[in-house]
Amino acid sequence: WCSLVCFSRIYMGMHSILDVIAGFVYAILIMVVFYPVLELIDNFNLTYKYAPLIIISLHLALGIFSFTLDTWSTSRGDTAQILGSGAGIACGSHVNYMLGAILDPLPGTLPFIPPVITVTLVGKAMLKFLIGVVVVLMVRAVMKKLTIPLACKIFCIPCDDIRKARQRMEVELPYRYITYGMVGFSVMCVVPFLFKNIGLF
């Protein structure tokens, strides 16, 4: 998947080969620094009472301080989208843990043995996929409808032309952050909760 993303960036002309190599090296450096403390960070995110507040604040701060461009750029929206998704996923994981939906596997259940692939299993997986996609698209559409006009109203920006309004940082950042934060939260918490309640878990 990573290779496909790297090649697509070059093929689409979004990045040069040097950009991709620098990104790859940067990812390795991040991994070297964070891998030893990953378990500690994960435990903090799941168990600390105020973790969602810290997660959201940290992701918002990263978003606000990383946007110094005066002109509109697709990378600005993409960054807000990634930060929002990450915050939503982390908060969804925290809520799942607090509700007892994330349990450590019992020692007798490891190593995990995959189930036998049957028509029923494939059908159930396809149904879960379709329901999950529909829920996520609905959440995205609703949040988009709510956040863009709200941001325009708060920052006194005319929203006659939504496309032009979205190019303003005051509109794009909250819209992307909140919308994709809710998408991430839905993927981690809302959709699995729905599956559990309709017997698809």
N, C-alpha and C. Protein backbone atom coordinates (compact mmCIF):
# COMPACT_ATOMS: atom_id res chain seq x y z
N TRP A 1 0.83 -1.19 0.00
CA TRP A 1 0.00 0.00 0.00
C TRP A 1 0.88 1.25 0.00
N CYS A 2 1.89 1.25 0.85
CA CYS A 2 2.81 2.41 0.91
C CYS A 2 3.49 2.64 -0.44
N SER A 3 3.89 1.54 -1.06
CA SER A 3 4.55 1.65 -2.37
C SER A 3 3.61 2.25 -3.41
N LEU A 4 2.35 1.81 -3.39
CA LEU A 4 1.36 2.34 -4.34
C LEU A 4 1.14 3.84 -4.13
N VAL A 5 1.07 4.25 -2.86
CA VAL A 5 0.90 5.67 -2.57
C VAL A 5 2.11 6.46 -3.07
N CYS A 6 3.30 5.95 -2.80
CA CYS A 6 4.53 6.62 -3.26
C CYS A 6 4.55 6.77 -4.78
N PHE A 7 4.26 5.68 -5.48
CA PHE A 7 4.26 5.71 -6.95
C PHE A 7 3.16 6.63 -7.48
N SER A 8 2.00 6.63 -6.81
CA SER A 8 0.90 7.48 -7.28
C SER A 8 1.25 8.96 -7.15
N ARG A 9 1.98 9.33 -6.10
CA ARG A 9 2.38 10.73 -5.91
C ARG A 9 3.27 11.19 -7.06
N ILE A 10 4.19 10.31 -7.46
CA ILE A 10 5.09 10.64 -8.56
C ILE A 10 4.33 10.66 -9.88
N TYR A 11 3.49 9.63 -10.11
CA TYR A 11 2.74 9.51 -11.35
C TYR A 11 1.79 10.71 -11.56
N MET A 12 1.16 11.15 -10.46
CA MET A 12 0.21 12.27 -10.55
C MET A 12 0.92 13.62 -10.62
N GLY A 13 2.24 13.61 -10.44
CA GLY A 13 3.00 14.85 -10.50
C GLY A 13 2.87 15.69 -9.23
N MET A 14 2.38 15.10 -8.15
CA MET A 14 2.21 15.84 -6.90
C MET A 14 3.53 16.00 -6.16
N HIS A 15 4.42 15.01 -6.32
CA HIS A 15 5.71 15.04 -5.65
C HIS A 15 6.79 14.51 -6.58
N SER A 16 8.02 14.90 -6.31
CA SER A 16 9.16 14.37 -7.07
C SER A 16 9.67 13.11 -6.38
N ILE A 17 10.57 12.41 -7.04
CA ILE A 17 11.16 11.21 -6.45
C ILE A 17 11.90 11.57 -5.16
N LEU A 18 12.56 12.73 -5.16
CA LEU A 18 13.28 13.18 -3.97
C LEU A 18 12.32 13.42 -2.80
N ASP A 19 11.13 13.97 -3.09
CA ASP A 19 10.11 14.16 -2.04
C ASP A 19 9.73 12.83 -1.40
N VAL A 20 9.50 11.83 -2.25
CA VAL A 20 9.08 10.51 -1.77
C VAL A 20 10.19 9.87 -0.94
N ILE A 21 11.43 9.96 -1.41
CA ILE A 21 12.56 9.39 -0.66
C ILE A 21 12.71 10.10 0.68
N ALA A 22 12.60 11.45 0.68
CA ALA A 22 12.70 12.21 1.93
C ALA A 22 11.57 11.81 2.89
N GLY A 23 10.36 11.63 2.36
CA GLY A 23 9.23 11.20 3.18
C GLY A 23 9.45 9.82 3.77
N PHE A 24 10.02 8.93 2.98
CA PHE A 24 10.31 7.56 3.44
C PHE A 24 11.34 7.58 4.57
N VAL A 25 12.40 8.36 4.38
CA VAL A 25 13.44 8.49 5.42
C VAL A 25 12.86 9.13 6.68
N TYR A 26 12.04 10.14 6.50
CA TYR A 26 11.40 10.81 7.62
C TYR A 26 10.51 9.84 8.40
N ALA A 27 9.76 8.99 7.69
CA ALA A 27 8.90 7.98 8.34
C ALA A 27 9.73 7.00 9.16
N ILE A 28 10.87 6.59 8.62
CA ILE A 28 11.76 5.67 9.35
C ILE A 28 12.29 6.34 10.62
N LEU A 29 12.69 7.62 10.51
CA LEU A 29 13.18 8.34 11.69
C LEU A 29 12.08 8.46 12.76
N ILE A 30 10.86 8.75 12.34
CA ILE A 30 9.74 8.84 13.29
C ILE A 30 9.54 7.49 13.96
N MET A 31 9.62 6.40 13.18
CA MET A 31 9.44 5.07 13.73
C MET A 31 10.53 4.73 14.75
N VAL A 32 11.75 5.09 14.45
CA VAL A 32 12.87 4.81 15.36
C VAL A 32 12.66 5.53 16.69
N VAL A 33 12.16 6.76 16.64
CA VAL A 33 11.95 7.55 17.86
C VAL A 33 10.74 7.03 18.65
N PHE A 34 9.63 6.76 17.96
CA PHE A 34 8.38 6.45 18.66
C PHE A 34 8.15 4.97 18.94
N TYR A 35 8.79 4.08 18.21
CA TYR A 35 8.53 2.65 18.42
C TYR A 35 8.81 2.18 19.85
N PRO A 36 9.91 2.61 20.47
CA PRO A 36 10.17 2.16 21.85
C PRO A 36 9.10 2.61 22.86
N VAL A 37 8.42 3.73 22.59
CA VAL A 37 7.42 4.24 23.55
C VAL A 37 5.98 4.07 23.04
N LEU A 38 5.82 3.30 21.97
CA LEU A 38 4.49 3.12 21.37
C LEU A 38 3.49 2.51 22.34
N GLU A 39 3.92 1.50 23.09
CA GLU A 39 3.03 0.84 24.05
C GLU A 39 2.61 1.82 25.15
N LEU A 40 3.53 2.65 25.58
CA LEU A 40 3.24 3.65 26.61
C LEU A 40 2.23 4.69 26.10
N ILE A 41 2.44 5.17 24.88
CA ILE A 41 1.53 6.15 24.27
C ILE A 41 0.14 5.53 24.07
N ASP A 42 0.11 4.31 23.57
CA ASP A 42 -1.16 3.63 23.34
C ASP A 42 -1.92 3.43 24.65
N ASN A 43 -1.21 3.01 25.69
CA ASN A 43 -1.82 2.82 27.00
C ASN A 43 -2.37 4.14 27.54
N PHE A 44 -1.62 5.22 27.35
CA PHE A 44 -2.07 6.55 27.78
C PHE A 44 -3.34 6.95 27.04
N ASN A 45 -3.35 6.78 25.70
CA ASN A 45 -4.51 7.14 24.89
C ASN A 45 -5.76 6.37 25.31
N LEU A 46 -5.59 5.11 25.67
CA LEU A 46 -6.73 4.29 26.01
C LEU A 46 -7.23 4.50 27.43
N THR A 47 -6.32 4.67 28.38
CA THR A 47 -6.71 4.61 29.79
C THR A 47 -6.80 5.95 30.51
N TYR A 48 -6.07 6.96 30.07
CA TYR A 48 -6.06 8.22 30.80
C TYR A 48 -7.39 8.94 30.61
N LYS A 49 -7.95 9.42 31.71
CA LYS A 49 -9.28 10.03 31.71
C LYS A 49 -9.41 11.20 30.74
N TYR A 50 -8.39 12.05 30.70
CA TYR A 50 -8.45 13.25 29.87
C TYR A 50 -7.72 13.09 28.54
N ALA A 51 -7.46 11.87 28.13
CA ALA A 51 -6.74 11.64 26.87
C ALA A 51 -7.44 12.26 25.66
N PRO A 52 -8.78 12.14 25.52
CA PRO A 52 -9.42 12.76 24.35
C PRO A 52 -9.18 14.27 24.26
N LEU A 53 -9.22 14.95 25.39
CA LEU A 53 -8.97 16.39 25.40
C LEU A 53 -7.55 16.71 24.95
N ILE A 54 -6.59 15.92 25.43
CA ILE A 54 -5.19 16.12 25.05
C ILE A 54 -4.99 15.78 23.57
N ILE A 55 -5.60 14.69 23.12
CA ILE A 55 -5.48 14.27 21.71
C ILE A 55 -6.01 15.37 20.79
N ILE A 56 -7.21 15.84 21.08
CA ILE A 56 -7.83 16.87 20.22
C ILE A 56 -7.00 18.16 20.25
N SER A 57 -6.57 18.57 21.44
CA SER A 57 -5.77 19.80 21.56
C SER A 57 -4.45 19.68 20.81
N LEU A 58 -3.79 18.54 20.95
CA LEU A 58 -2.50 18.33 20.27
C LEU A 58 -2.67 18.36 18.75
N HIS A 59 -3.69 17.67 18.25
CA HIS A 59 -3.92 17.65 16.80
C HIS A 59 -4.33 19.03 16.28
N LEU A 60 -5.14 19.75 17.04
CA LEU A 60 -5.50 21.12 16.64
C LEU A 60 -4.28 22.02 16.60
N ALA A 61 -3.45 21.93 17.62
CA ALA A 61 -2.23 22.75 17.67
C ALA A 61 -1.31 22.44 16.49
N LEU A 62 -1.16 21.16 16.19
CA LEU A 62 -0.33 20.78 15.03
C LEU A 62 -0.90 21.38 13.75
N GLY A 63 -2.22 21.36 13.62
CA GLY A 63 -2.85 21.91 12.43
C GLY A 63 -2.71 23.41 12.33
N ILE A 64 -2.94 24.11 13.43
CA ILE A 64 -2.89 25.57 13.41
C ILE A 64 -1.47 26.07 13.18
N PHE A 65 -0.50 25.48 13.86
CA PHE A 65 0.88 25.96 13.75
C PHE A 65 1.57 25.52 12.46
N SER A 66 1.01 24.52 11.77
CA SER A 66 1.65 24.09 10.53
C SER A 66 1.17 24.87 9.32
N PHE A 67 0.12 25.69 9.48
CA PHE A 67 -0.42 26.42 8.33
C PHE A 67 0.03 27.86 8.36
N THR A 68 1.08 28.13 7.62
CA THR A 68 1.60 29.49 7.53
C THR A 68 1.42 30.07 6.14
N LEU A 69 0.83 29.28 5.23
CA LEU A 69 0.64 29.75 3.85
C LEU A 69 -0.49 30.77 3.80
N ASP A 70 -0.28 31.85 3.06
CA ASP A 70 -1.33 32.84 2.88
C ASP A 70 -2.26 32.44 1.73
N THR A 71 -1.74 31.67 0.79
CA THR A 71 -2.54 31.26 -0.36
C THR A 71 -3.06 29.85 -0.14
N TRP A 72 -4.15 29.53 -0.84
CA TRP A 72 -4.76 28.22 -0.71
C TRP A 72 -3.87 27.15 -1.31
N SER A 73 -3.82 26.00 -0.67
CA SER A 73 -3.04 24.86 -1.14
C SER A 73 -3.77 23.58 -0.77
N THR A 74 -3.72 22.58 -1.65
CA THR A 74 -4.38 21.31 -1.34
C THR A 74 -3.73 20.62 -0.14
N SER A 75 -2.44 20.86 0.06
CA SER A 75 -1.75 20.21 1.18
C SER A 75 -2.28 20.70 2.53
N ARG A 76 -2.76 21.93 2.57
CA ARG A 76 -3.32 22.46 3.81
C ARG A 76 -4.56 21.67 4.22
N GLY A 77 -5.46 21.45 3.29
CA GLY A 77 -6.67 20.67 3.56
C GLY A 77 -6.36 19.22 3.85
N ASP A 78 -5.40 18.66 3.10
CA ASP A 78 -5.03 17.26 3.33
C ASP A 78 -4.46 17.06 4.72
N THR A 79 -3.65 18.02 5.17
CA THR A 79 -3.06 17.92 6.51
C THR A 79 -4.14 17.99 7.58
N ALA A 80 -5.09 18.91 7.42
CA ALA A 80 -6.19 19.02 8.39
C ALA A 80 -7.02 17.74 8.39
N GLN A 81 -7.21 17.17 7.22
CA GLN A 81 -7.97 15.92 7.09
C GLN A 81 -7.27 14.77 7.82
N ILE A 82 -5.96 14.66 7.65
CA ILE A 82 -5.18 13.61 8.31
C ILE A 82 -5.19 13.80 9.82
N LEU A 83 -4.98 15.04 10.27
CA LEU A 83 -4.98 15.32 11.71
C LEU A 83 -6.35 15.05 12.33
N GLY A 84 -7.41 15.46 11.63
CA GLY A 84 -8.76 15.22 12.12
C GLY A 84 -9.07 13.74 12.20
N SER A 85 -8.71 13.00 11.15
CA SER A 85 -8.94 11.54 11.15
C SER A 85 -8.19 10.88 12.29
N GLY A 86 -6.93 11.27 12.49
CA GLY A 86 -6.13 10.70 13.56
C GLY A 86 -6.73 10.98 14.93
N ALA A 87 -7.20 12.21 15.14
CA ALA A 87 -7.83 12.56 16.42
C ALA A 87 -9.11 11.76 16.63
N GLY A 88 -9.91 11.63 15.57
CA GLY A 88 -11.16 10.88 15.67
C GLY A 88 -10.93 9.40 15.96
N ILE A 89 -9.94 8.82 15.32
CA ILE A 89 -9.61 7.41 15.53
C ILE A 89 -9.11 7.20 16.97
N ALA A 90 -8.23 8.09 17.44
CA ALA A 90 -7.70 7.96 18.80
C ALA A 90 -8.81 8.13 19.83
N CYS A 91 -9.70 9.09 19.63
CA CYS A 91 -10.81 9.30 20.57
C CYS A 91 -11.79 8.13 20.52
N GLY A 92 -12.04 7.60 19.32
CA GLY A 92 -12.90 6.42 19.19
C GLY A 92 -12.33 5.21 19.91
N SER A 93 -11.03 5.02 19.81
CA SER A 93 -10.36 3.92 20.52
C SER A 93 -10.50 4.09 22.03
N HIS A 94 -10.34 5.33 22.49
CA HIS A 94 -10.47 5.63 23.93
C HIS A 94 -11.89 5.30 24.42
N VAL A 95 -12.90 5.73 23.67
CA VAL A 95 -14.29 5.47 24.05
C VAL A 95 -14.56 3.96 24.05
N ASN A 96 -14.08 3.25 23.03
CA ASN A 96 -14.24 1.79 22.98
C ASN A 96 -13.64 1.13 24.21
N TYR A 97 -12.45 1.57 24.58
CA TYR A 97 -11.77 0.99 25.75
C TYR A 97 -12.57 1.27 27.02
N MET A 98 -13.04 2.51 27.16
CA MET A 98 -13.80 2.88 28.36
C MET A 98 -15.12 2.12 28.44
N LEU A 99 -15.70 1.77 27.30
CA LEU A 99 -16.96 1.02 27.28
C LEU A 99 -16.75 -0.49 27.38
N GLY A 100 -15.48 -0.91 27.41
CA GLY A 100 -15.17 -2.34 27.50
C GLY A 100 -15.27 -3.06 26.18
N ALA A 101 -15.26 -2.31 25.07
CA ALA A 101 -15.35 -2.94 23.75
C ALA A 101 -14.00 -3.44 23.24
N ILE A 102 -12.91 -2.94 23.81
CA ILE A 102 -11.57 -3.41 23.43
C ILE A 102 -11.05 -4.26 24.59
N LEU A 103 -10.89 -5.51 24.36
CA LEU A 103 -10.39 -6.42 25.39
C LEU A 103 -9.11 -7.08 24.92
N ASP A 104 -8.18 -7.28 25.84
CA ASP A 104 -6.96 -8.01 25.50
C ASP A 104 -7.33 -9.47 25.27
N PRO A 105 -6.73 -10.10 24.25
CA PRO A 105 -7.05 -11.51 24.00
C PRO A 105 -6.58 -12.40 25.16
N LEU A 106 -7.36 -13.42 25.45
CA LEU A 106 -6.98 -14.37 26.49
C LEU A 106 -5.79 -15.18 26.01
N PRO A 107 -4.87 -15.55 26.92
CA PRO A 107 -3.66 -16.29 26.51
C PRO A 107 -3.98 -17.57 25.73
N GLY A 108 -5.09 -18.24 26.03
CA GLY A 108 -5.44 -19.48 25.34
C GLY A 108 -5.91 -19.28 23.90
N THR A 109 -6.26 -18.01 23.54
CA THR A 109 -6.77 -17.74 22.19
C THR A 109 -5.66 -17.41 21.20
N LEU A 110 -4.43 -17.28 21.70
CA LEU A 110 -3.30 -16.95 20.82
C LEU A 110 -2.49 -18.20 20.53
N PRO A 111 -1.94 -18.37 19.38
CA PRO A 111 -2.05 -17.49 18.23
C PRO A 111 -3.44 -17.58 17.59
N PHE A 112 -3.83 -16.49 16.97
CA PHE A 112 -5.14 -16.40 16.35
C PHE A 112 -5.20 -17.32 15.12
N ILE A 113 -6.24 -18.12 15.07
CA ILE A 113 -6.44 -19.02 13.92
C ILE A 113 -7.58 -18.45 13.08
N PRO A 114 -7.31 -18.08 11.84
CA PRO A 114 -8.37 -17.49 11.02
C PRO A 114 -9.48 -18.50 10.75
N PRO A 115 -10.73 -18.01 10.66
CA PRO A 115 -11.84 -18.92 10.42
C PRO A 115 -11.81 -19.48 8.99
N VAL A 116 -12.52 -20.57 8.80
CA VAL A 116 -12.64 -21.16 7.47
C VAL A 116 -13.50 -20.24 6.62
N ILE A 117 -13.05 -19.96 5.40
CA ILE A 117 -13.79 -19.06 4.52
C ILE A 117 -14.98 -19.81 3.93
N THR A 118 -16.16 -19.29 4.23
CA THR A 118 -17.40 -19.88 3.72
C THR A 118 -18.20 -18.79 3.01
N VAL A 119 -19.24 -19.20 2.32
CA VAL A 119 -20.12 -18.25 1.63
C VAL A 119 -20.76 -17.31 2.66
N THR A 120 -21.17 -17.87 3.80
CA THR A 120 -21.79 -17.06 4.86
C THR A 120 -20.82 -16.01 5.38
N LEU A 121 -19.58 -16.41 5.61
CA LEU A 121 -18.57 -15.48 6.12
C LEU A 121 -18.31 -14.35 5.12
N VAL A 122 -18.19 -14.70 3.85
CA VAL A 122 -17.95 -13.70 2.80
C VAL A 122 -19.15 -12.76 2.69
N GLY A 123 -20.36 -13.32 2.72
CA GLY A 123 -21.57 -12.51 2.65
C GLY A 123 -21.68 -11.54 3.82
N LYS A 124 -21.35 -12.04 5.01
CA LYS A 124 -21.39 -11.21 6.21
C LYS A 124 -20.36 -10.09 6.12
N ALA A 125 -19.17 -10.40 5.63
CA ALA A 125 -18.11 -9.40 5.47
C ALA A 125 -18.53 -8.32 4.47
N MET A 126 -19.15 -8.74 3.36
CA MET A 126 -19.60 -7.78 2.35
C MET A 126 -20.71 -6.88 2.91
N LEU A 127 -21.63 -7.48 3.68
CA LEU A 127 -22.71 -6.71 4.29
C LEU A 127 -22.15 -5.69 5.28
N LYS A 128 -21.18 -6.11 6.10
CA LYS A 128 -20.55 -5.20 7.05
C LYS A 128 -19.84 -4.06 6.32
N PHE A 129 -19.16 -4.41 5.23
CA PHE A 129 -18.46 -3.39 4.45
C PHE A 129 -19.44 -2.36 3.90
N LEU A 130 -20.52 -2.83 3.30
CA LEU A 130 -21.51 -1.92 2.70
C LEU A 130 -22.16 -1.04 3.76
N ILE A 131 -22.57 -1.63 4.87
CA ILE A 131 -23.19 -0.84 5.94
C ILE A 131 -22.20 0.18 6.49
N GLY A 132 -20.96 -0.24 6.70
CA GLY A 132 -19.92 0.66 7.21
C GLY A 132 -19.68 1.84 6.28
N VAL A 133 -19.57 1.57 4.98
CA VAL A 133 -19.34 2.63 4.00
C VAL A 133 -20.52 3.60 3.98
N VAL A 134 -21.74 3.08 4.01
CA VAL A 134 -22.93 3.94 4.00
C VAL A 134 -22.95 4.84 5.24
N VAL A 135 -22.67 4.28 6.41
CA VAL A 135 -22.66 5.07 7.65
C VAL A 135 -21.59 6.16 7.57
N VAL A 136 -20.40 5.79 7.14
CA VAL A 136 -19.30 6.76 7.06
C VAL A 136 -19.62 7.87 6.05
N LEU A 137 -20.18 7.52 4.91
CA LEU A 137 -20.54 8.54 3.91
C LEU A 137 -21.65 9.45 4.43
N MET A 138 -22.59 8.88 5.18
CA MET A 138 -23.66 9.71 5.77
C MET A 138 -23.09 10.68 6.80
N VAL A 139 -22.19 10.19 7.65
CA VAL A 139 -21.56 11.06 8.66
C VAL A 139 -20.80 12.18 7.96
N ARG A 140 -20.06 11.83 6.93
CA ARG A 140 -19.27 12.82 6.19
C ARG A 140 -20.18 13.88 5.56
N ALA A 141 -21.28 13.44 4.92
CA ALA A 141 -22.20 14.38 4.27
C ALA A 141 -22.86 15.31 5.28
N VAL A 142 -23.30 14.75 6.40
CA VAL A 142 -23.97 15.57 7.43
C VAL A 142 -22.99 16.58 8.02
N MET A 143 -21.78 16.13 8.36
CA MET A 143 -20.80 17.03 8.95
C MET A 143 -20.37 18.12 7.97
N LYS A 144 -20.28 17.77 6.71
CA LYS A 144 -19.91 18.76 5.69
C LYS A 144 -21.00 19.83 5.58
N LYS A 145 -22.26 19.39 5.60
CA LYS A 145 -23.39 20.32 5.51
C LYS A 145 -23.46 21.25 6.72
N LEU A 146 -23.03 20.75 7.87
CA LEU A 146 -23.08 21.55 9.10
C LEU A 146 -21.88 22.46 9.27
N THR A 147 -20.68 21.94 9.00
CA THR A 147 -19.46 22.69 9.36
C THR A 147 -19.13 23.84 8.41
N ILE A 148 -19.36 23.68 7.11
CA ILE A 148 -18.99 24.76 6.17
C ILE A 148 -19.84 26.01 6.44
N PRO A 149 -21.18 25.92 6.46
CA PRO A 149 -21.96 27.13 6.75
C PRO A 149 -21.68 27.71 8.14
N LEU A 150 -21.45 26.83 9.13
CA LEU A 150 -21.15 27.29 10.48
C LEU A 150 -19.84 28.07 10.53
N ALA A 151 -18.80 27.54 9.89
CA ALA A 151 -17.51 28.23 9.84
C ALA A 151 -17.64 29.56 9.10
N CYS A 152 -18.40 29.57 8.00
CA CYS A 152 -18.63 30.82 7.26
C CYS A 152 -19.32 31.86 8.15
N LYS A 153 -20.30 31.41 8.90
CA LYS A 153 -21.04 32.32 9.77
C LYS A 153 -20.16 32.85 10.90
N ILE A 154 -19.38 31.98 11.53
CA ILE A 154 -18.52 32.38 12.64
C ILE A 154 -17.47 33.39 12.19
N PHE A 155 -16.87 33.16 11.01
CA PHE A 155 -15.78 34.03 10.54
C PHE A 155 -16.25 35.09 9.55
N CYS A 156 -17.59 35.27 9.43
CA CYS A 156 -18.18 36.30 8.56
C CYS A 156 -17.67 36.22 7.12
N ILE A 157 -17.70 35.01 6.59
CA ILE A 157 -17.28 34.77 5.21
C ILE A 157 -18.51 34.41 4.39
N PRO A 158 -18.75 35.09 3.27
CA PRO A 158 -19.93 34.74 2.47
C PRO A 158 -19.83 33.31 1.95
N CYS A 159 -20.93 32.57 2.07
CA CYS A 159 -20.88 31.17 1.60
C CYS A 159 -21.80 30.94 0.40
N ASP A 160 -21.93 32.00 -0.43
CA ASP A 160 -22.69 31.83 -1.68
C ASP A 160 -22.00 30.82 -2.58
N ASP A 161 -20.68 30.97 -2.69
CA ASP A 161 -19.86 30.04 -3.48
C ASP A 161 -19.08 29.16 -2.49
N ILE A 162 -19.59 27.95 -2.26
CA ILE A 162 -18.99 27.03 -1.27
C ILE A 162 -17.55 26.72 -1.63
N ARG A 163 -17.29 26.51 -2.93
CA ARG A 163 -15.92 26.16 -3.35
C ARG A 163 -14.93 27.27 -3.00
N LYS A 164 -15.33 28.50 -3.23
CA LYS A 164 -14.45 29.64 -2.92
C LYS A 164 -14.31 29.80 -1.40
N ALA A 165 -15.41 29.61 -0.68
CA ALA A 165 -15.37 29.74 0.79
C ALA A 165 -14.45 28.69 1.39
N ARG A 166 -14.46 27.49 0.82
CA ARG A 166 -13.63 26.40 1.34
C ARG A 166 -12.14 26.66 1.16
N GLN A 167 -11.79 27.57 0.26
CA GLN A 167 -10.38 27.88 0.05
C GLN A 167 -9.83 28.84 1.11
N ARG A 168 -10.71 29.36 1.94
CA ARG A 168 -10.27 30.20 3.05
C ARG A 168 -9.88 29.31 4.22
N MET A 169 -8.74 29.60 4.83
CA MET A 169 -8.22 28.77 5.91
C MET A 169 -9.21 28.68 7.07
N GLU A 170 -9.93 29.79 7.36
CA GLU A 170 -10.87 29.83 8.47
C GLU A 170 -12.02 28.85 8.28
N VAL A 171 -12.32 28.52 7.03
CA VAL A 171 -13.41 27.59 6.72
C VAL A 171 -12.86 26.18 6.52
N GLU A 172 -11.79 26.08 5.73
CA GLU A 172 -11.29 24.76 5.36
C GLU A 172 -10.78 23.95 6.55
N LEU A 173 -10.04 24.59 7.44
CA LEU A 173 -9.47 23.84 8.56
C LEU A 173 -10.54 23.28 9.50
N PRO A 174 -11.49 24.09 9.98
CA PRO A 174 -12.52 23.48 10.84
C PRO A 174 -13.37 22.45 10.11
N TYR A 175 -13.71 22.76 8.84
CA TYR A 175 -14.52 21.82 8.06
C TYR A 175 -13.82 20.47 7.94
N ARG A 176 -12.58 20.47 7.51
CA ARG A 176 -11.85 19.21 7.32
C ARG A 176 -11.59 18.51 8.65
N TYR A 177 -11.16 19.28 9.64
CA TYR A 177 -10.81 18.69 10.94
C TYR A 177 -12.03 18.05 11.59
N ILE A 178 -13.13 18.78 11.68
CA ILE A 178 -14.33 18.27 12.35
C ILE A 178 -14.96 17.14 11.55
N THR A 179 -15.09 17.33 10.25
CA THR A 179 -15.73 16.32 9.40
C THR A 179 -14.97 15.00 9.45
N TYR A 180 -13.67 15.05 9.22
CA TYR A 180 -12.90 13.81 9.18
C TYR A 180 -12.58 13.28 10.58
N GLY A 181 -12.63 14.15 11.58
CA GLY A 181 -12.55 13.68 12.96
C GLY A 181 -13.76 12.81 13.28
N MET A 182 -14.93 13.24 12.85
CA MET A 182 -16.15 12.45 13.07
C MET A 182 -16.15 11.17 12.22
N VAL A 183 -15.58 11.24 11.03
CA VAL A 183 -15.45 10.03 10.21
C VAL A 183 -14.56 9.01 10.92
N GLY A 184 -13.41 9.47 11.42
CA GLY A 184 -12.50 8.58 12.16
C GLY A 184 -13.17 7.99 13.39
N PHE A 185 -13.89 8.82 14.13
CA PHE A 185 -14.61 8.35 15.33
C PHE A 185 -15.67 7.32 14.95
N SER A 186 -16.37 7.57 13.85
CA SER A 186 -17.41 6.64 13.40
C SER A 186 -16.82 5.29 13.02
N VAL A 187 -15.68 5.31 12.33
CA VAL A 187 -15.04 4.06 11.91
C VAL A 187 -14.62 3.24 13.12
N MET A 188 -14.10 3.91 14.15
CA MET A 188 -13.58 3.19 15.32
C MET A 188 -14.65 2.84 16.35
N CYS A 189 -15.69 3.66 16.45
CA CYS A 189 -16.64 3.48 17.55
C CYS A 189 -18.07 3.26 17.10
N VAL A 190 -18.59 4.14 16.27
CA VAL A 190 -20.02 4.10 15.89
C VAL A 190 -20.35 2.86 15.06
N VAL A 191 -19.56 2.61 14.02
CA VAL A 191 -19.85 1.47 13.13
C VAL A 191 -19.73 0.13 13.87
N PRO A 192 -18.65 -0.13 14.64
CA PRO A 192 -18.60 -1.38 15.40
C PRO A 192 -19.75 -1.52 16.41
N PHE A 193 -20.14 -0.40 17.04
CA PHE A 193 -21.27 -0.42 17.98
C PHE A 193 -22.55 -0.81 17.25
N LEU A 194 -22.73 -0.26 16.05
CA LEU A 194 -23.90 -0.60 15.23
C LEU A 194 -23.89 -2.08 14.86
N PHE A 195 -22.74 -2.60 14.44
CA PHE A 195 -22.63 -4.01 14.09
C PHE A 195 -22.97 -4.90 15.28
N LYS A 196 -22.49 -4.52 16.45
CA LYS A 196 -22.75 -5.31 17.65
C LYS A 196 -24.26 -5.36 17.95
N ASN A 197 -24.94 -4.22 17.76
CA ASN A 197 -26.37 -4.15 18.08
C ASN A 197 -27.27 -4.80 17.05
N ILE A 198 -26.79 -4.96 15.81
CA ILE A 198 -27.62 -5.65 14.81
C ILE A 198 -27.16 -7.09 14.58
N GLY A 199 -26.24 -7.55 15.42
CA GLY A 199 -25.81 -8.93 15.36
C GLY A 199 -24.82 -9.28 14.26
N LEU A 200 -24.06 -8.30 13.81
CA LEU A 200 -23.07 -8.56 12.76
C LEU A 200 -21.65 -8.58 13.27
N PHE A 201 -21.45 -8.59 14.58
CA PHE A 201 -20.10 -8.49 15.13
C PHE A 201 -19.40 -9.80 15.17
